[in-house]
Amino acid sequence: MSALFVLICVSIVVAIGFLAAFIWSVRSGQYDDDYTPSVRMLFENKTPSKENKSIKK
């Protein structure tokens, strides 16, 4: 029975840790821009870089 109490306490501590990490990421602006990542691949530079040219030779 005491193992059950230990597991419940550990799970509550882990849940509080995840909640704190989520709140910290929201406050630091991690989720501010949700539009740019979805369209970033549409605006990639189409010219090959110098590194790609040297590999193909």
PDB file of N, CA and C in Angstrom:
ATOM      1  N   MET A   1       0.816  -1.191   0.000  1.00  0.00           N
ATOM      2  CA  MET A   1       0.000   0.000   0.000  1.00  0.00           C
ATOM      3  C   MET A   1       0.865   1.264   0.000  1.00  0.00           C
ATOM      4  N   SER A   2       2.003   1.205   0.657  1.00  0.00           N
ATOM      5  CA  SER A   2       2.858   2.388   0.718  1.00  0.00           C
ATOM      6  C   SER A   2       3.479   2.670  -0.658  1.00  0.00           C
ATOM      7  N   ALA A   3       3.666   1.628  -1.468  1.00  0.00           N
ATOM      8  CA  ALA A   3       4.197   1.838  -2.817  1.00  0.00           C
ATOM      9  C   ALA A   3       3.216   2.646  -3.652  1.00  0.00           C
ATOM     10  N   LEU A   4       1.940   2.452  -3.413  1.00  0.00           N
ATOM     11  CA  LEU A   4       0.920   3.206  -4.137  1.00  0.00           C
ATOM     12  C   LEU A   4       1.021   4.687  -3.808  1.00  0.00           C
ATOM     13  N   PHE A   5       1.221   5.021  -2.549  1.00  0.00           N
ATOM     14  CA  PHE A   5       1.364   6.419  -2.160  1.00  0.00           C
ATOM     15  C   PHE A   5       2.623   7.036  -2.757  1.00  0.00           C
ATOM     16  N   VAL A   6       3.683   6.280  -2.815  1.00  0.00           N
ATOM     17  CA  VAL A   6       4.924   6.777  -3.407  1.00  0.00           C
ATOM     18  C   VAL A   6       4.730   7.054  -4.895  1.00  0.00           C
ATOM     19  N   LEU A   7       4.071   6.132  -5.596  1.00  0.00           N
ATOM     20  CA  LEU A   7       3.835   6.321  -7.028  1.00  0.00           C
ATOM     21  C   LEU A   7       2.922   7.513  -7.303  1.00  0.00           C
ATOM     22  N   ILE A   8       1.931   7.715  -6.469  1.00  0.00           N
ATOM     23  CA  ILE A   8       1.033   8.861  -6.637  1.00  0.00           C
ATOM     24  C   ILE A   8       1.800  10.163  -6.417  1.00  0.00           C
ATOM     25  N   CYS A   9       2.633  10.197  -5.393  1.00  0.00           N
ATOM     26  CA  CYS A   9       3.429  11.404  -5.123  1.00  0.00           C
ATOM     27  C   CYS A   9       4.401  11.696  -6.255  1.00  0.00           C
ATOM     28  N   VAL A  10       5.058  10.663  -6.765  1.00  0.00           N
ATOM     29  CA  VAL A  10       5.989  10.850  -7.868  1.00  0.00           C
ATOM     30  C   VAL A  10       5.260  11.340  -9.112  1.00  0.00           C
ATOM     31  N   SER A  11       4.097  10.786  -9.391  1.00  0.00           N
ATOM     32  CA  SER A  11       3.353  11.214 -10.581  1.00  0.00           C
ATOM     33  C   SER A  11       2.868  12.653 -10.450  1.00  0.00           C
ATOM     34  N   ILE A  12       2.514  13.071  -9.255  1.00  0.00           N
ATOM     35  CA  ILE A  12       2.096  14.459  -9.052  1.00  0.00           C
ATOM     36  C   ILE A  12       3.280  15.399  -9.250  1.00  0.00           C
ATOM     37  N   VAL A  13       4.452  15.014  -8.758  1.00  0.00           N
ATOM     38  CA  VAL A  13       5.647  15.840  -8.937  1.00  0.00           C
ATOM     39  C   VAL A  13       5.999  15.954 -10.420  1.00  0.00           C
ATOM     40  N   VAL A  14       5.913  14.861 -11.165  1.00  0.00           N
ATOM     41  CA  VAL A  14       6.201  14.889 -12.601  1.00  0.00           C
ATOM     42  C   VAL A  14       5.184  15.759 -13.332  1.00  0.00           C
ATOM     43  N   ALA A  15       3.913  15.642 -12.980  1.00  0.00           N
ATOM     44  CA  ALA A  15       2.871  16.453 -13.618  1.00  0.00           C
ATOM     45  C   ALA A  15       3.087  17.938 -13.345  1.00  0.00           C
ATOM     46  N   ILE A  16       3.468  18.286 -12.134  1.00  0.00           N
ATOM     47  CA  ILE A  16       3.736  19.682 -11.804  1.00  0.00           C
ATOM     48  C   ILE A  16       4.952  20.178 -12.582  1.00  0.00           C
ATOM     49  N   GLY A  17       5.945  19.318 -12.762  1.00  0.00           N
ATOM     50  CA  GLY A  17       7.115  19.690 -13.561  1.00  0.00           C
ATOM     51  C   GLY A  17       6.751  19.983 -15.008  1.00  0.00           C
ATOM     52  N   PHE A  18       5.921  19.129 -15.607  1.00  0.00           N
ATOM     53  CA  PHE A  18       5.488  19.364 -16.983  1.00  0.00           C
ATOM     54  C   PHE A  18       4.634  20.626 -17.084  1.00  0.00           C
ATOM     55  N   LEU A  19       3.799  20.868 -16.107  1.00  0.00           N
ATOM     56  CA  LEU A  19       2.984  22.086 -16.111  1.00  0.00           C
ATOM     57  C   LEU A  19       3.862  23.327 -16.002  1.00  0.00           C
ATOM     58  N   ALA A  20       4.865  23.272 -15.145  1.00  0.00           N
ATOM     59  CA  ALA A  20       5.779  24.403 -15.009  1.00  0.00           C
ATOM     60  C   ALA A  20       6.558  24.642 -16.304  1.00  0.00           C
ATOM     61  N   ALA A  21       6.997  23.567 -16.957  1.00  0.00           N
ATOM     62  CA  ALA A  21       7.717  23.721 -18.227  1.00  0.00           C
ATOM     63  C   ALA A  21       6.811  24.313 -19.303  1.00  0.00           C
ATOM     64  N   PHE A  22       5.550  23.903 -19.322  1.00  0.00           N
ATOM     65  CA  PHE A  22       4.612  24.442 -20.299  1.00  0.00           C
ATOM     66  C   PHE A  22       4.352  25.924 -20.051  1.00  0.00           C
ATOM     67  N   ILE A  23       4.138  26.294 -18.802  1.00  0.00           N
ATOM     68  CA  ILE A  23       3.891  27.696 -18.477  1.00  0.00           C
ATOM     69  C   ILE A  23       5.119  28.541 -18.812  1.00  0.00           C
ATOM     70  N   TRP A  24       6.310  28.036 -18.520  1.00  0.00           N
ATOM     71  CA  TRP A  24       7.539  28.757 -18.847  1.00  0.00           C
ATOM     72  C   TRP A  24       7.674  28.953 -20.352  1.00  0.00           C
ATOM     73  N   SER A  25       7.359  27.917 -21.141  1.00  0.00           N
ATOM     74  CA  SER A  25       7.497  28.044 -22.593  1.00  0.00           C
ATOM     75  C   SER A  25       6.474  29.012 -23.177  1.00  0.00           C
ATOM     76  N   VAL A  26       5.289  29.053 -22.616  1.00  0.00           N
ATOM     77  CA  VAL A  26       4.286  30.011 -23.095  1.00  0.00           C
ATOM     78  C   VAL A  26       4.706  31.432 -22.759  1.00  0.00           C
ATOM     79  N   ARG A  27       5.210  31.647 -21.564  1.00  0.00           N
ATOM     80  CA  ARG A  27       5.629  32.998 -21.157  1.00  0.00           C
ATOM     81  C   ARG A  27       6.872  33.464 -21.907  1.00  0.00           C
ATOM     82  N   SER A  28       7.719  32.534 -22.336  1.00  0.00           N
ATOM     83  CA  SER A  28       8.932  32.941 -23.037  1.00  0.00           C
ATOM     84  C   SER A  28       8.693  33.137 -24.529  1.00  0.00           C
ATOM     85  N   GLY A  29       7.473  32.888 -25.010  1.00  0.00           N
ATOM     86  CA  GLY A  29       7.137  33.169 -26.395  1.00  0.00           C
ATOM     87  C   GLY A  29       7.344  32.003 -27.343  1.00  0.00           C
ATOM     88  N   GLN A  30       7.402  30.808 -26.828  1.00  0.00           N
ATOM     89  CA  GLN A  30       7.638  29.638 -27.673  1.00  0.00           C
ATOM     90  C   GLN A  30       6.495  29.421 -28.665  1.00  0.00           C
ATOM     91  N   TYR A  31       5.283  29.759 -28.281  1.00  0.00           N
ATOM     92  CA  TYR A  31       4.114  29.490 -29.124  1.00  0.00           C
ATOM     93  C   TYR A  31       3.537  30.746 -29.755  1.00  0.00           C
ATOM     94  N   ASP A  32       4.305  31.825 -29.828  1.00  0.00           N
ATOM     95  CA  ASP A  32       3.788  33.073 -30.372  1.00  0.00           C
ATOM     96  C   ASP A  32       3.508  32.993 -31.870  1.00  0.00           C
ATOM     97  N   ASP A  33       4.429  32.437 -32.630  1.00  0.00           N
ATOM     98  CA  ASP A  33       4.296  32.416 -34.086  1.00  0.00           C
ATOM     99  C   ASP A  33       3.925  31.016 -34.540  1.00  0.00           C
ATOM    100  N   ASP A  34       2.656  30.794 -34.786  1.00  0.00           N
ATOM    101  CA  ASP A  34       2.234  29.474 -35.230  1.00  0.00           C
ATOM    102  C   ASP A  34       1.937  29.425 -36.727  1.00  0.00           C
ATOM    103  N   TYR A  35       2.105  30.551 -37.419  1.00  0.00           N
ATOM    104  CA  TYR A  35       1.830  30.579 -38.854  1.00  0.00           C
ATOM    105  C   TYR A  35       3.092  30.354 -39.688  1.00  0.00           C
ATOM    106  N   THR A  36       4.203  30.963 -39.319  1.00  0.00           N
ATOM    107  CA  THR A  36       5.424  30.912 -40.119  1.00  0.00           C
ATOM    108  C   THR A  36       5.954  29.496 -40.352  1.00  0.00           C
ATOM    109  N   PRO A  37       6.012  28.622 -39.359  1.00  0.00           N
ATOM    110  CA  PRO A  37       6.546  27.282 -39.629  1.00  0.00           C
ATOM    111  C   PRO A  37       5.746  26.505 -40.677  1.00  0.00           C
ATOM    112  N   SER A  38       4.456  26.759 -40.777  1.00  0.00           N
ATOM    113  CA  SER A  38       3.654  26.017 -41.734  1.00  0.00           C
ATOM    114  C   SER A  38       3.872  26.462 -43.174  1.00  0.00           C
ATOM    115  N   VAL A  39       4.345  27.689 -43.378  1.00  0.00           N
ATOM    116  CA  VAL A  39       4.576  28.182 -44.734  1.00  0.00           C
ATOM    117  C   VAL A  39       6.048  28.388 -45.046  1.00  0.00           C
ATOM    118  N   ARG A  40       6.921  28.039 -44.124  1.00  0.00           N
ATOM    119  CA  ARG A  40       8.354  28.266 -44.322  1.00  0.00           C
ATOM    120  C   ARG A  40       8.872  27.493 -45.532  1.00  0.00           C
ATOM    121  N   MET A  41       8.386  26.291 -45.751  1.00  0.00           N
ATOM    122  CA  MET A  41       8.877  25.499 -46.884  1.00  0.00           C
ATOM    123  C   MET A  41       8.450  26.102 -48.222  1.00  0.00           C
ATOM    124  N   LEU A  42       7.434  26.943 -48.239  1.00  0.00           N
ATOM    125  CA  LEU A  42       6.986  27.562 -49.484  1.00  0.00           C
ATOM    126  C   LEU A  42       7.912  28.692 -49.918  1.00  0.00           C
ATOM    127  N   PHE A  43       8.673  29.250 -48.991  1.00  0.00           N
ATOM    128  CA  PHE A  43       9.518  30.397 -49.279  1.00  0.00           C
ATOM    129  C   PHE A  43      11.005  30.072 -49.227  1.00  0.00           C
ATOM    130  N   GLU A  44      11.382  28.824 -49.424  1.00  0.00           N
ATOM    131  CA  GLU A  44      12.792  28.455 -49.391  1.00  0.00           C
ATOM    132  C   GLU A  44      13.536  29.030 -50.592  1.00  0.00           C
ATOM    133  N   ASN A  45      14.804  29.247 -50.415  1.00  0.00           N
ATOM    134  CA  ASN A  45      15.655  29.743 -51.483  1.00  0.00           C
ATOM    135  C   ASN A  45      15.869  28.606 -52.491  1.00  0.00           C
ATOM    136  N   LYS A  46      15.556  28.830 -53.752  1.00  0.00           N
ATOM    137  CA  LYS A  46      15.622  27.772 -54.762  1.00  0.00           C
ATOM    138  C   LYS A  46      16.994  27.618 -55.396  1.00  0.00           C
ATOM    139  N   THR A  47      17.911  28.568 -55.188  1.00  0.00           N
ATOM    140  CA  THR A  47      19.235  28.462 -55.785  1.00  0.00           C
ATOM    141  C   THR A  47      20.090  27.504 -54.964  1.00  0.00           C
ATOM    142  N   PRO A  48      20.839  26.622 -55.618  1.00  0.00           N
ATOM    143  CA  PRO A  48      21.680  25.692 -54.871  1.00  0.00           C
ATOM    144  C   PRO A  48      22.858  26.419 -54.230  1.00  0.00           C
ATOM    145  N   SER A  49      23.254  25.946 -53.080  1.00  0.00           N
ATOM    146  CA  SER A  49      24.370  26.596 -52.381  1.00  0.00           C
ATOM    147  C   SER A  49      25.705  26.088 -52.909  1.00  0.00           C
ATOM    148  N   LYS A  50      26.777  26.726 -52.487  1.00  0.00           N
ATOM    149  CA  LYS A  50      28.118  26.339 -52.919  1.00  0.00           C
ATOM    150  C   LYS A  50      28.478  24.942 -52.429  1.00  0.00           C
ATOM    151  N   GLU A  51      27.977  24.561 -51.279  1.00  0.00           N
ATOM    152  CA  GLU A  51      28.265  23.245 -50.739  1.00  0.00           C
ATOM    153  C   GLU A  51      27.666  22.141 -51.610  1.00  0.00           C
ATOM    154  N   ASN A  52      26.476  22.369 -52.103  1.00  0.00           N
ATOM    155  CA  ASN A  52      25.838  21.380 -52.956  1.00  0.00           C
ATOM    156  C   ASN A  52      26.569  21.231 -54.297  1.00  0.00           C
ATOM    157  N   LYS A  53      27.120  22.336 -54.819  1.00  0.00           N
ATOM    158  CA  LYS A  53      27.833  22.279 -56.097  1.00  0.00           C
ATOM    159  C   LYS A  53      29.123  21.483 -55.956  1.00  0.00           C
ATOM    160  N   SER A  54      29.804  21.630 -54.840  1.00  0.00           N
ATOM    161  CA  SER A  54      31.077  20.915 -54.663  1.00  0.00           C
ATOM    162  C   SER A  54      30.851  19.434 -54.458  1.00  0.00           C
ATOM    163  N   ILE A  55      29.740  19.047 -53.903  1.00  0.00           N
ATOM    164  CA  ILE A  55      29.436  17.625 -53.669  1.00  0.00           C
ATOM    165  C   ILE A  55      29.102  16.929 -55.004  1.00  0.00           C
ATOM    166  N   LYS A  56      28.432  17.616 -55.894  1.00  0.00           N
ATOM    167  CA  LYS A  56      27.991  17.003 -57.155  1.00  0.00           C
ATOM    168  C   LYS A  56      29.137  16.766 -58.129  1.00  0.00           C
ATOM    169  N   LYS A  57      30.273  17.424 -57.986  1.00  0.00           N
ATOM    170  CA  LYS A  57      31.368  17.297 -58.948  1.00  0.00           C
ATOM    171  C   LYS A  57      31.979  15.957 -58.960  1.00  0.00           C
TER     172      LYS A  57
END
